[in-house]
């Protein structure tokens, strides 16, 4: 089965980190976001993928080609005109008849996809959300989706779509997307996948839902840190660092150099990072970064950055230098 993964966005809410890296290449629990997604997809039976790239797409392509052996088509989205548009530009890469699975590139998830793929029906991942106005929502009756609405001002359902779409009739999806683009039908000035799926429903195609409790958003600094915490609690292995106190769960790359410091809990330390005389918890420290004589909490330190002195909470991009001495 083929997965379709749109990753063309710029990730403006994660600046300054996305000035130098695409959002899906930001590290969480010791691995880029896109790496966690691919690991899960392959584990659940995906055998090929289409990745829709845009901003700094060459970085994403280089990483995926060097770390994964499944066939991957890379398609560039020339303009950011919505999720529906991104799937539309990639339609030549997937069949009209073979089921496809669409997943948003900033969505790390924990759900048994094998059950979804074995259901035989199109199905959308949903989660109960108190205020679903920034999501597409699904109105469900007797287990079948009756109506989909993109980012409603006055929601009639609390079932938010979380970016996981299993489609058993991709030919009908293509037809619906072509109709939107040919007739310039937009919602909030974008071609919405939600609108294409709703058109499929109106033409008799049935969608069920599957519940996604393990849904981890990586779109903002605070959610990136909370996702780091969740993934470490699920996947972290014991780390023993001579000369340091380690409070699990943590990820510490084997090449990191740590002396006279306390690391953790809920902290990731990247490749070749150097930590001296510091206490770091609930944070992500990038590759080649240096932290000296600092107390850091709920912080994100970019690759190659330097933090020295008594900083408490920072969010600094690659190659930044902060000296509080």
C-alpha atoms as a PDB file:
ATOM      1  CA  UNK A   1       0.000   0.000   0.000  1.00  0.00           C
ATOM      2  CA  UNK A   2       1.106   3.553  -0.717  1.00  0.00           C
ATOM      3  CA  UNK A   3       1.206   6.376   1.829  1.00  0.00           C
ATOM      4  CA  UNK A   4       0.854   9.996   0.709  1.00  0.00           C
ATOM      5  CA  UNK A   5       2.584  12.488   2.983  1.00  0.00           C
ATOM      6  CA  UNK A   6       2.299  16.261   2.378  1.00  0.00           C
ATOM      7  CA  UNK A   7       5.278  18.130   3.888  1.00  0.00           C
ATOM      8  CA  UNK A   8       5.480  21.294   1.779  1.00  0.00           C
ATOM      9  CA  UNK A   9       4.630  23.808   4.513  1.00  0.00           C
ATOM     10  CA  UNK A  10       7.065  26.330   5.984  1.00  0.00           C
ATOM     11  CA  UNK A  11       6.270  25.758   9.663  1.00  0.00           C
ATOM     12  CA  UNK A  12       6.045  29.438  10.577  1.00  0.00           C
ATOM     13  CA  UNK A  13       4.851  28.673  14.122  1.00  0.00           C
ATOM     14  CA  UNK A  14       8.132  26.883  14.809  1.00  0.00           C
ATOM     15  CA  UNK A  15      10.433  29.744  13.896  1.00  0.00           C
ATOM     16  CA  UNK A  16      13.343  30.350  14.440  1.00  0.00           C
ATOM     17  CA  UNK A  17      14.026  26.611  13.995  1.00  0.00           C
ATOM     18  CA  UNK A  18      12.301  26.437  10.609  1.00  0.00           C
ATOM     19  CA  UNK A  19      14.467  29.218   9.186  1.00  0.00           C
ATOM     20  CA  UNK A  20      17.181  26.577   8.726  1.00  0.00           C
ATOM     21  CA  UNK A  21      15.237  23.287   8.662  1.00  0.00           C
ATOM     22  CA  UNK A  22      11.859  22.168   7.300  1.00  0.00           C
ATOM     23  CA  UNK A  23       9.412  21.461  10.113  1.00  0.00           C
ATOM     24  CA  UNK A  24       9.342  17.701   9.604  1.00  0.00           C
ATOM     25  CA  UNK A  25      13.128  17.539  10.036  1.00  0.00           C
ATOM     26  CA  UNK A  26      13.032  18.950  13.571  1.00  0.00           C
ATOM     27  CA  UNK A  27      14.198  16.360  16.081  1.00  0.00           C
ATOM     28  CA  UNK A  28      11.920  14.924  18.741  1.00  0.00           C
ATOM     29  CA  UNK A  29      12.954  12.038  21.000  1.00  0.00           C
ATOM     30  CA  UNK A  30      16.189  11.666  19.052  1.00  0.00           C
ATOM     31  CA  UNK A  31      14.789  11.476  15.520  1.00  0.00           C
ATOM     32  CA  UNK A  32      13.252  13.853  12.940  1.00  0.00           C
ATOM     33  CA  UNK A  33       9.456  14.013  12.975  1.00  0.00           C
ATOM     34  CA  UNK A  34       9.299  12.485   9.486  1.00  0.00           C
ATOM     35  CA  UNK A  35      11.457   9.577  10.694  1.00  0.00           C
ATOM     36  CA  UNK A  36       8.955   8.673  13.419  1.00  0.00           C
ATOM     37  CA  UNK A  37       6.167   8.783  10.824  1.00  0.00           C
ATOM     38  CA  UNK A  38       7.992   6.530   8.349  1.00  0.00           C
ATOM     39  CA  UNK A  39       8.930   4.034  11.065  1.00  0.00           C
ATOM     40  CA  UNK A  40       5.291   3.670  12.055  1.00  0.00           C
ATOM     41  CA  UNK A  41       4.012   3.427   8.474  1.00  0.00           C
ATOM     42  CA  UNK A  42       6.485   0.717   7.518  1.00  0.00           C
ATOM     43  CA  UNK A  43       5.755  -1.187  10.740  1.00  0.00           C
ATOM     44  CA  UNK A  44       2.063  -1.265   9.795  1.00  0.00           C
ATOM     45  CA  UNK A  45       2.548  -2.463   6.240  1.00  0.00           C
ATOM     46  CA  UNK A  46       3.163   0.553   4.003  1.00  0.00           C
ATOM     47  CA  UNK A  47       5.437  -0.513   1.145  1.00  0.00           C
ATOM     48  CA  UNK A  48       5.803   2.712  -0.873  1.00  0.00           C
ATOM     49  CA  UNK A  49       5.213   6.424  -0.433  1.00  0.00           C
ATOM     50  CA  UNK A  50       4.632   9.740  -2.150  1.00  0.00           C
ATOM     51  CA  UNK A  51       6.110  12.719  -0.325  1.00  0.00           C
ATOM     52  CA  UNK A  52       4.863  16.161  -1.395  1.00  0.00           C
ATOM     53  CA  UNK A  53       7.634  18.669  -0.799  1.00  0.00           C
ATOM     54  CA  UNK A  54       8.093  22.427  -1.043  1.00  0.00           C
ATOM     55  CA  UNK A  55      10.097  24.502   1.421  1.00  0.00           C
ATOM     56  CA  UNK A  56      13.622  23.007   1.731  1.00  0.00           C
ATOM     57  CA  UNK A  57      12.363  19.814   0.152  1.00  0.00           C
ATOM     58  CA  UNK A  58      15.864  18.713  -0.786  1.00  0.00           C
ATOM     59  CA  UNK A  59      16.715  18.267   2.906  1.00  0.00           C
ATOM     60  CA  UNK A  60      13.712  15.986   3.405  1.00  0.00           C
ATOM     61  CA  UNK A  61      14.475  13.988   0.260  1.00  0.00           C
ATOM     62  CA  UNK A  62      18.125  13.494   1.238  1.00  0.00           C
ATOM     63  CA  UNK A  63      17.168  12.221   4.709  1.00  0.00           C
ATOM     64  CA  UNK A  64      14.480   9.812   3.515  1.00  0.00           C
ATOM     65  CA  UNK A  65      16.546   8.368   0.672  1.00  0.00           C
ATOM     66  CA  UNK A  66      19.476   7.727   3.013  1.00  0.00           C
ATOM     67  CA  UNK A  67      17.415   6.150   5.820  1.00  0.00           C
ATOM     68  CA  UNK A  68      14.610   4.195   4.106  1.00  0.00           C
ATOM     69  CA  UNK A  69      14.683   1.629   1.319  1.00  0.00           C
ATOM     70  CA  UNK A  70      11.019   1.601   0.255  1.00  0.00           C
ATOM     71  CA  UNK A  71      10.231   3.280  -3.103  1.00  0.00           C
ATOM     72  CA  UNK A  72       9.449   6.980  -2.600  1.00  0.00           C
ATOM     73  CA  UNK A  73       8.106   9.450  -5.180  1.00  0.00           C
ATOM     74  CA  UNK A  74       8.897  13.089  -4.451  1.00  0.00           C
ATOM     75  CA  UNK A  75       6.506  15.670  -5.915  1.00  0.00           C
ATOM     76  CA  UNK A  76       6.906  19.423  -5.514  1.00  0.00           C
ATOM     77  CA  UNK A  77       3.885  21.553  -4.638  1.00  0.00           C
ATOM     78  CA  UNK A  78       4.679  24.826  -6.442  1.00  0.00           C
ATOM     79  CA  UNK A  79       2.180  26.906  -4.471  1.00  0.00           C
ATOM     80  CA  UNK A  80       0.788  26.369  -0.984  1.00  0.00           C
ATOM     81  CA  UNK A  81      -2.883  26.277  -1.960  1.00  0.00           C
ATOM     82  CA  UNK A  82      -4.155  23.834   0.630  1.00  0.00           C
ATOM     83  CA  UNK A  83      -4.070  20.164   1.527  1.00  0.00           C
ATOM     84  CA  UNK A  84      -6.440  19.234  -1.290  1.00  0.00           C
ATOM     85  CA  UNK A  85      -4.148  20.972  -3.765  1.00  0.00           C
ATOM     86  CA  UNK A  86      -1.127  19.071  -2.478  1.00  0.00           C
ATOM     87  CA  UNK A  87      -2.835  15.713  -3.098  1.00  0.00           C
ATOM     88  CA  UNK A  88      -4.037  16.963  -6.493  1.00  0.00           C
ATOM     89  CA  UNK A  89      -0.502  17.761  -7.695  1.00  0.00           C
ATOM     90  CA  UNK A  90       0.621  14.260  -6.653  1.00  0.00           C
ATOM     91  CA  UNK A  91      -2.224  12.297  -8.235  1.00  0.00           C
ATOM     92  CA  UNK A  92      -0.074  10.864 -11.043  1.00  0.00           C
ATOM     93  CA  UNK A  93       1.910   8.896  -8.437  1.00  0.00           C
ATOM     94  CA  UNK A  94      -0.954   6.745  -7.151  1.00  0.00           C
ATOM     95  CA  UNK A  95      -3.401   4.329  -8.707  1.00  0.00           C
ATOM     96  CA  UNK A  96      -7.129   4.845  -9.281  1.00  0.00           C
ATOM     97  CA  UNK A  97      -7.906   1.446  -7.792  1.00  0.00           C
ATOM     98  CA  UNK A  98      -5.366   0.591  -5.086  1.00  0.00           C
ATOM     99  CA  UNK A  99      -6.157   2.012  -1.599  1.00  0.00           C
ATOM    100  CA  UNK A 100      -3.985   4.830  -0.299  1.00  0.00           C
ATOM    101  CA  UNK A 101      -3.292   6.242   3.132  1.00  0.00           C
ATOM    102  CA  UNK A 102      -2.835  10.008   3.536  1.00  0.00           C
ATOM    103  CA  UNK A 103      -1.086  11.349   6.621  1.00  0.00           C
ATOM    104  CA  UNK A 104      -0.096  14.910   7.476  1.00  0.00           C
ATOM    105  CA  UNK A 105       3.639  15.324   7.845  1.00  0.00           C
ATOM    106  CA  UNK A 106       3.544  16.918  11.302  1.00  0.00           C
ATOM    107  CA  UNK A 107       1.328  14.242  12.869  1.00  0.00           C
ATOM    108  CA  UNK A 108       3.001  11.571  14.989  1.00  0.00           C
ATOM    109  CA  UNK A 109       0.398   9.004  15.950  1.00  0.00           C
ATOM    110  CA  UNK A 110      -0.102   5.770  17.860  1.00  0.00           C
ATOM    111  CA  UNK A 111      -2.899   3.660  16.389  1.00  0.00           C
ATOM    112  CA  UNK A 112      -3.099   0.140  14.941  1.00  0.00           C
ATOM    113  CA  UNK A 113      -3.274   0.881  11.220  1.00  0.00           C
ATOM    114  CA  UNK A 114      -3.377  -2.794  10.331  1.00  0.00           C
ATOM    115  CA  UNK A 115      -6.940  -2.918  11.661  1.00  0.00           C
ATOM    116  CA  UNK A 116      -7.841   0.178   9.639  1.00  0.00           C
ATOM    117  CA  UNK A 117      -6.337  -1.229   6.450  1.00  0.00           C
ATOM    118  CA  UNK A 118      -8.106  -4.536   7.018  1.00  0.00           C
ATOM    119  CA  UNK A 119     -11.543  -2.994   7.465  1.00  0.00           C
ATOM    120  CA  UNK A 120     -12.316  -2.877   3.743  1.00  0.00           C
ATOM    121  CA  UNK A 121     -13.881   0.594   3.940  1.00  0.00           C
ATOM    122  CA  UNK A 122     -12.605   4.143   3.674  1.00  0.00           C
ATOM    123  CA  UNK A 123     -12.024   5.535   7.145  1.00  0.00           C
ATOM    124  CA  UNK A 124     -10.871   8.796   8.715  1.00  0.00           C
ATOM    125  CA  UNK A 125      -8.977   9.197  11.968  1.00  0.00           C
ATOM    126  CA  UNK A 126     -10.853  11.317  14.522  1.00  0.00           C
ATOM    127  CA  UNK A 127     -10.428  12.477  18.088  1.00  0.00           C
ATOM    128  CA  UNK A 128     -12.872  14.118  20.488  1.00  0.00           C
ATOM    129  CA  UNK A 129     -11.869  17.790  20.891  1.00  0.00           C
ATOM    130  CA  UNK A 130     -13.658  20.308  23.107  1.00  0.00           C
ATOM    131  CA  UNK A 131     -13.144  23.189  20.674  1.00  0.00           C
ATOM    132  CA  UNK A 132     -12.731  21.758  17.145  1.00  0.00           C
ATOM    133  CA  UNK A 133     -12.997  25.060  15.251  1.00  0.00           C
ATOM    134  CA  UNK A 134      -9.440  24.870  13.880  1.00  0.00           C
ATOM    135  CA  UNK A 135     -10.016  21.365  12.489  1.00  0.00           C
ATOM    136  CA  UNK A 136     -12.204  19.652   9.981  1.00  0.00           C
ATOM    137  CA  UNK A 137     -15.049  17.939  11.849  1.00  0.00           C
ATOM    138  CA  UNK A 138     -17.086  14.810  11.096  1.00  0.00           C
ATOM    139  CA  UNK A 139     -20.790  14.384  11.710  1.00  0.00           C
ATOM    140  CA  UNK A 140     -21.401  10.672  12.282  1.00  0.00           C
ATOM    141  CA  UNK A 141     -24.617   8.667  12.297  1.00  0.00           C
ATOM    142  CA  UNK A 142     -24.719   4.917  13.032  1.00  0.00           C
ATOM    143  CA  UNK A 143     -20.972   4.673  12.500  1.00  0.00           C
ATOM    144  CA  UNK A 144     -21.047   6.325   9.048  1.00  0.00           C
ATOM    145  CA  UNK A 145     -19.861   9.869   8.309  1.00  0.00           C
ATOM    146  CA  UNK A 146     -22.779  11.908   7.014  1.00  0.00           C
ATOM    147  CA  UNK A 147     -21.048  15.257   6.637  1.00  0.00           C
ATOM    148  CA  UNK A 148     -17.563  16.807   6.821  1.00  0.00           C
ATOM    149  CA  UNK A 149     -17.038  20.498   7.543  1.00  0.00           C
ATOM    150  CA  UNK A 150     -13.694  22.322   7.333  1.00  0.00           C
ATOM    151  CA  UNK A 151     -12.912  24.584  10.329  1.00  0.00           C
ATOM    152  CA  UNK A 152     -16.526  25.460  11.206  1.00  0.00           C
ATOM    153  CA  UNK A 153     -17.264  28.657  13.108  1.00  0.00           C
ATOM    154  CA  UNK A 154     -20.104  26.888  14.932  1.00  0.00           C
ATOM    155  CA  UNK A 155     -19.203  23.181  15.169  1.00  0.00           C
ATOM    156  CA  UNK A 156     -22.017  20.656  15.197  1.00  0.00           C
ATOM    157  CA  UNK A 157     -19.646  17.841  16.188  1.00  0.00           C
ATOM    158  CA  UNK A 158     -16.674  17.421  18.511  1.00  0.00           C
ATOM    159  CA  UNK A 159     -15.048  14.754  16.323  1.00  0.00           C
ATOM    160  CA  UNK A 160     -12.007  16.473  14.837  1.00  0.00           C
ATOM    161  CA  UNK A 161     -10.161  14.956  11.904  1.00  0.00           C
ATOM    162  CA  UNK A 162      -6.540  14.502  12.928  1.00  0.00           C
ATOM    163  CA  UNK A 163      -4.826  14.070   9.565  1.00  0.00           C
ATOM    164  CA  UNK A 164      -5.147  10.318   8.913  1.00  0.00           C
ATOM    165  CA  UNK A 165      -7.167   9.313   5.841  1.00  0.00           C
ATOM    166  CA  UNK A 166      -7.603   5.778   4.471  1.00  0.00           C
ATOM    167  CA  UNK A 167      -9.125   5.896   0.981  1.00  0.00           C
ATOM    168  CA  UNK A 168     -10.267   2.710  -0.777  1.00  0.00           C
ATOM    169  CA  UNK A 169     -11.366   4.469  -3.991  1.00  0.00           C
ATOM    170  CA  UNK A 170      -8.592   6.935  -4.889  1.00  0.00           C
ATOM    171  CA  UNK A 171      -9.998   7.282  -8.405  1.00  0.00           C
ATOM    172  CA  UNK A 172     -13.095   8.947  -6.955  1.00  0.00           C
ATOM    173  CA  UNK A 173     -10.851  11.122  -4.791  1.00  0.00           C
ATOM    174  CA  UNK A 174      -8.957  12.279  -7.895  1.00  0.00           C
ATOM    175  CA  UNK A 175     -12.232  13.063  -9.634  1.00  0.00           C
ATOM    176  CA  UNK A 176     -13.387  15.144  -6.657  1.00  0.00           C
ATOM    177  CA  UNK A 177     -10.083  17.022  -6.422  1.00  0.00           C
ATOM    178  CA  UNK A 178     -10.125  17.743 -10.157  1.00  0.00           C
ATOM    179  CA  UNK A 179     -13.663  19.105  -9.794  1.00  0.00           C
ATOM    180  CA  UNK A 180     -12.565  21.503  -7.029  1.00  0.00           C
ATOM    181  CA  UNK A 181      -9.573  22.771  -8.986  1.00  0.00           C
ATOM    182  CA  UNK A 182     -11.380  22.973 -12.354  1.00  0.00           C
ATOM    183  CA  UNK A 183     -14.213  24.994 -10.785  1.00  0.00           C
ATOM    184  CA  UNK A 184     -11.946  26.932  -8.410  1.00  0.00           C
ATOM    185  CA  UNK A 185     -13.914  25.810  -5.354  1.00  0.00           C
ATOM    186  CA  UNK A 186     -12.022  26.939  -2.259  1.00  0.00           C
ATOM    187  CA  UNK A 187     -12.703  27.199   1.455  1.00  0.00           C
ATOM    188  CA  UNK A 188     -10.775  29.900   3.310  1.00  0.00           C
ATOM    189  CA  UNK A 189      -9.014  30.532  -0.027  1.00  0.00           C
ATOM    190  CA  UNK A 190      -7.577  26.995  -0.222  1.00  0.00           C
ATOM    191  CA  UNK A 191      -8.462  23.758  -1.957  1.00  0.00           C
ATOM    192  CA  UNK A 192      -9.469  21.595   0.970  1.00  0.00           C
ATOM    193  CA  UNK A 193      -9.171  17.825   1.137  1.00  0.00           C
ATOM    194  CA  UNK A 194     -12.219  17.941   3.420  1.00  0.00           C
ATOM    195  CA  UNK A 195     -14.307  19.392   0.569  1.00  0.00           C
ATOM    196  CA  UNK A 196     -13.158  16.659  -1.814  1.00  0.00           C
ATOM    197  CA  UNK A 197     -14.045  13.961   0.721  1.00  0.00           C
ATOM    198  CA  UNK A 198     -17.454  15.563   1.272  1.00  0.00           C
ATOM    199  CA  UNK A 199     -18.062  15.441  -2.477  1.00  0.00           C
ATOM    200  CA  UNK A 200     -17.202  11.714  -2.396  1.00  0.00           C
ATOM    201  CA  UNK A 201     -19.831  11.261   0.345  1.00  0.00           C
ATOM    202  CA  UNK A 202     -22.397  13.146  -1.730  1.00  0.00           C
ATOM    203  CA  UNK A 203     -21.701  10.722  -4.587  1.00  0.00           C
ATOM    204  CA  UNK A 204     -22.453   7.727  -2.391  1.00  0.00           C
ATOM    205  CA  UNK A 205     -19.021   6.763  -1.041  1.00  0.00           C
ATOM    206  CA  UNK A 206     -19.141   5.660   2.601  1.00  0.00           C
ATOM    207  CA  UNK A 207     -16.591   6.619   5.239  1.00  0.00           C
ATOM    208  CA  UNK A 208     -16.304   5.204   8.731  1.00  0.00           C
ATOM    209  CA  UNK A 209     -14.112   6.639  11.506  1.00  0.00           C
ATOM    210  CA  UNK A 210     -11.388   5.217  13.716  1.00  0.00           C
ATOM    211  CA  UNK A 211     -10.492   6.699  17.057  1.00  0.00           C
ATOM    212  CA  UNK A 212      -6.990   8.161  17.500  1.00  0.00           C
ATOM    213  CA  UNK A 213      -6.158   8.748  21.158  1.00  0.00           C
ATOM    214  CA  UNK A 214      -2.411   8.703  20.524  1.00  0.00           C
ATOM    215  CA  UNK A 215      -2.179  11.837  18.391  1.00  0.00           C
ATOM    216  CA  UNK A 216       0.817  14.084  18.901  1.00  0.00           C
ATOM    217  CA  UNK A 217       0.954  17.472  17.264  1.00  0.00           C
ATOM    218  CA  UNK A 218       4.392  18.902  16.434  1.00  0.00           C
ATOM    219  CA  UNK A 219       3.264  22.256  15.062  1.00  0.00           C
ATOM    220  CA  UNK A 220       4.306  24.625  17.889  1.00  0.00           C
ATOM    221  CA  UNK A 221       7.216  24.753  20.369  1.00  0.00           C
ATOM    222  CA  UNK A 222       5.048  23.744  23.324  1.00  0.00           C
ATOM    223  CA  UNK A 223       3.478  20.807  21.470  1.00  0.00           C
ATOM    224  CA  UNK A 224       6.873  19.720  20.139  1.00  0.00           C
ATOM    225  CA  UNK A 225       8.107  19.519  23.731  1.00  0.00           C
ATOM    226  CA  UNK A 226       5.029  17.642  24.920  1.00  0.00           C
ATOM    227  CA  UNK A 227       5.380  15.172  22.033  1.00  0.00           C
ATOM    228  CA  UNK A 228       9.040  14.711  22.964  1.00  0.00           C
ATOM    229  CA  UNK A 229       7.908  13.853  26.500  1.00  0.00           C
ATOM    230  CA  UNK A 230       5.302  11.326  25.319  1.00  0.00           C
ATOM    231  CA  UNK A 231       7.629   9.578  22.884  1.00  0.00           C
ATOM    232  CA  UNK A 232      10.419   9.350  25.447  1.00  0.00           C
ATOM    233  CA  UNK A 233       8.021   7.756  27.917  1.00  0.00           C
ATOM    234  CA  UNK A 234       7.152   5.147  25.273  1.00  0.00           C
ATOM    235  CA  UNK A 235      10.514   4.495  23.621  1.00  0.00           C
ATOM    236  CA  UNK A 236      13.411   5.737  25.744  1.00  0.00           C
ATOM    237  CA  UNK A 237      16.103   3.258  26.697  1.00  0.00           C
ATOM    238  CA  UNK A 238      18.217   3.401  29.827  1.00  0.00           C
ATOM    239  CA  UNK A 239      21.096   5.869  29.525  1.00  0.00           C
ATOM    240  CA  UNK A 240      24.144   5.667  31.762  1.00  0.00           C
ATOM    241  CA  UNK A 241      26.540   8.610  31.462  1.00  0.00           C
ATOM    242  CA  UNK A 242      29.668   8.642  33.634  1.00  0.00           C
ATOM    243  CA  UNK A 243      30.060  11.979  35.354  1.00  0.00           C
ATOM    244  CA  UNK A 244      26.409  12.925  35.022  1.00  0.00           C
ATOM    245  CA  UNK A 245      23.115  12.271  36.774  1.00  0.00           C
ATOM    246  CA  UNK A 246      20.466  10.993  34.341  1.00  0.00           C
ATOM    247  CA  UNK A 247      16.792  11.125  35.318  1.00  0.00           C
ATOM    248  CA  UNK A 248      14.709   9.091  32.839  1.00  0.00           C
ATOM    249  CA  UNK A 249      13.110   9.170  30.414  1.00  0.00           C
ATOM    250  CA  UNK A 250      15.763  10.697  28.185  1.00  0.00           C
ATOM    251  CA  UNK A 251      17.419  10.251  24.819  1.00  0.00           C
ATOM    252  CA  UNK A 252      21.161  10.913  24.782  1.00  0.00           C
ATOM    253  CA  UNK A 253      23.002  10.352  21.524  1.00  0.00           C
ATOM    254  CA  UNK A 254      26.076   8.128  22.021  1.00  0.00           C
ATOM    255  CA  UNK A 255      28.363  10.861  20.670  1.00  0.00           C
ATOM    256  CA  UNK A 256      27.153  13.538  23.106  1.00  0.00           C
ATOM    257  CA  UNK A 257      29.679  14.657  25.725  1.00  0.00           C
ATOM    258  CA  UNK A 258      28.191  15.382  29.149  1.00  0.00           C
ATOM    259  CA  UNK A 259      30.132  16.310  32.274  1.00  0.00           C
ATOM    260  CA  UNK A 260      29.117  17.456  35.774  1.00  0.00           C
ATOM    261  CA  UNK A 261      25.486  17.813  34.733  1.00  0.00           C
ATOM    262  CA  UNK A 262      21.970  16.609  35.478  1.00  0.00           C
ATOM    263  CA  UNK A 263      19.955  15.498  32.445  1.00  0.00           C
ATOM    264  CA  UNK A 264      16.233  14.800  32.551  1.00  0.00           C
ATOM    265  CA  UNK A 265      13.543  13.962  32.832  1.00  0.00           C
ATOM    266  CA  UNK A 266      11.947  14.291  29.374  1.00  0.00           C
ATOM    267  CA  UNK A 267      15.085  15.528  27.640  1.00  0.00           C
ATOM    268  CA  UNK A 268      16.664  14.723  24.272  1.00  0.00           C
ATOM    269  CA  UNK A 269      20.351  15.425  23.619  1.00  0.00           C
ATOM    270  CA  UNK A 270      21.493  15.361  19.977  1.00  0.00           C
ATOM    271  CA  UNK A 271      24.545  14.082  18.154  1.00  0.00           C
ATOM    272  CA  UNK A 272      27.897  15.573  19.258  1.00  0.00           C
ATOM    273  CA  UNK A 273      26.210  17.944  21.706  1.00  0.00           C
ATOM    274  CA  UNK A 274      28.370  19.146  24.608  1.00  0.00           C
ATOM    275  CA  UNK A 275      26.821  19.720  28.030  1.00  0.00           C
ATOM    276  CA  UNK A 276      28.946  21.036  30.924  1.00  0.00           C
ATOM    277  CA  UNK A 277      28.036  22.019  34.479  1.00  0.00           C
ATOM    278  CA  UNK A 278      24.340  22.272  33.647  1.00  0.00           C
ATOM    279  CA  UNK A 279      20.893  21.043  34.622  1.00  0.00           C
ATOM    280  CA  UNK A 280      18.546  20.333  31.719  1.00  0.00           C
ATOM    281  CA  UNK A 281      14.999  18.999  31.917  1.00  0.00           C
ATOM    282  CA  UNK A 282      11.921  18.878  29.671  1.00  0.00           C
ATOM    283  CA  UNK A 283      14.027  20.103  26.749  1.00  0.00           C
ATOM    284  CA  UNK A 284      15.398  19.288  23.296  1.00  0.00           C
ATOM    285  CA  UNK A 285      19.073  20.015  22.655  1.00  0.00           C
ATOM    286  CA  UNK A 286      20.133  19.839  19.002  1.00  0.00           C
ATOM    287  CA  UNK A 287      23.136  18.262  17.328  1.00  0.00           C
ATOM    288  CA  UNK A 288      26.505  20.032  17.830  1.00  0.00           C
ATOM    289  CA  UNK A 289      24.901  22.350  20.412  1.00  0.00           C
ATOM    290  CA  UNK A 290      26.825  23.432  23.545  1.00  0.00           C
ATOM    291  CA  UNK A 291      25.256  24.214  26.902  1.00  0.00           C
ATOM    292  CA  UNK A 292      27.534  25.426  29.674  1.00  0.00           C
ATOM    293  CA  UNK A 293      26.778  26.473  33.259  1.00  0.00           C
ATOM    294  CA  UNK A 294      23.058  26.731  32.600  1.00  0.00           C
ATOM    295  CA  UNK A 295      19.776  25.657  34.130  1.00  0.00           C
ATOM    296  CA  UNK A 296      17.378  24.939  31.263  1.00  0.00           C
ATOM    297  CA  UNK A 297      13.740  23.865  31.429  1.00  0.00           C
ATOM    298  CA  UNK A 298      11.126  23.601  28.671  1.00  0.00           C
ATOM    299  CA  UNK A 299      13.699  24.773  26.141  1.00  0.00           C
ATOM    300  CA  UNK A 300      14.532  24.030  22.513  1.00  0.00           C
ATOM    301  CA  UNK A 301      18.142  24.637  21.504  1.00  0.00           C
ATOM    302  CA  UNK A 302      18.936  24.422  17.784  1.00  0.00           C
ATOM    303  CA  UNK A 303      21.774  22.614  16.072  1.00  0.00           C
ATOM    304  CA  UNK A 304      25.167  24.198  16.686  1.00  0.00           C
ATOM    305  CA  UNK A 305      23.811  26.755  19.146  1.00  0.00           C
ATOM    306  CA  UNK A 306      25.719  27.909  22.233  1.00  0.00           C
ATOM    307  CA  UNK A 307      24.046  28.662  25.576  1.00  0.00           C
ATOM    308  CA  UNK A 308      26.333  29.810  28.370  1.00  0.00           C
ATOM    309  CA  UNK A 309      25.281  31.213  31.739  1.00  0.00           C
ATOM    310  CA  UNK A 310      22.147  31.084  33.821  1.00  0.00           C
ATOM    311  CA  UNK A 311      19.462  30.922  31.179  1.00  0.00           C
ATOM    312  CA  UNK A 312      16.201  29.412  32.408  1.00  0.00           C
ATOM    313  CA  UNK A 313      13.999  28.917  29.363  1.00  0.00           C
ATOM    314  CA  UNK A 314      15.095  29.456  25.777  1.00  0.00           C
ATOM    315  CA  UNK A 315      13.859  28.743  22.255  1.00  0.00           C
ATOM    316  CA  UNK A 316      16.821  29.404  19.978  1.00  0.00           C
ATOM    317  CA  UNK A 317      17.548  28.319  16.428  1.00  0.00           C
ATOM    318  CA  UNK A 318      20.604  26.833  14.781  1.00  0.00           C
ATOM    319  CA  UNK A 319      24.014  28.461  15.368  1.00  0.00           C
ATOM    320  CA  UNK A 320      22.639  30.987  17.891  1.00  0.00           C
ATOM    321  CA  UNK A 321      24.966  32.142  20.687  1.00  0.00           C
ATOM    322  CA  UNK A 322      23.638  33.300  24.061  1.00  0.00           C
ATOM    323  CA  UNK A 323      26.198  34.131  26.750  1.00  0.00           C
ATOM    324  CA  UNK A 324      24.790  35.190  30.148  1.00  0.00           C
ATOM    325  CA  UNK A 325      28.095  35.094  31.993  1.00  0.00           C
END
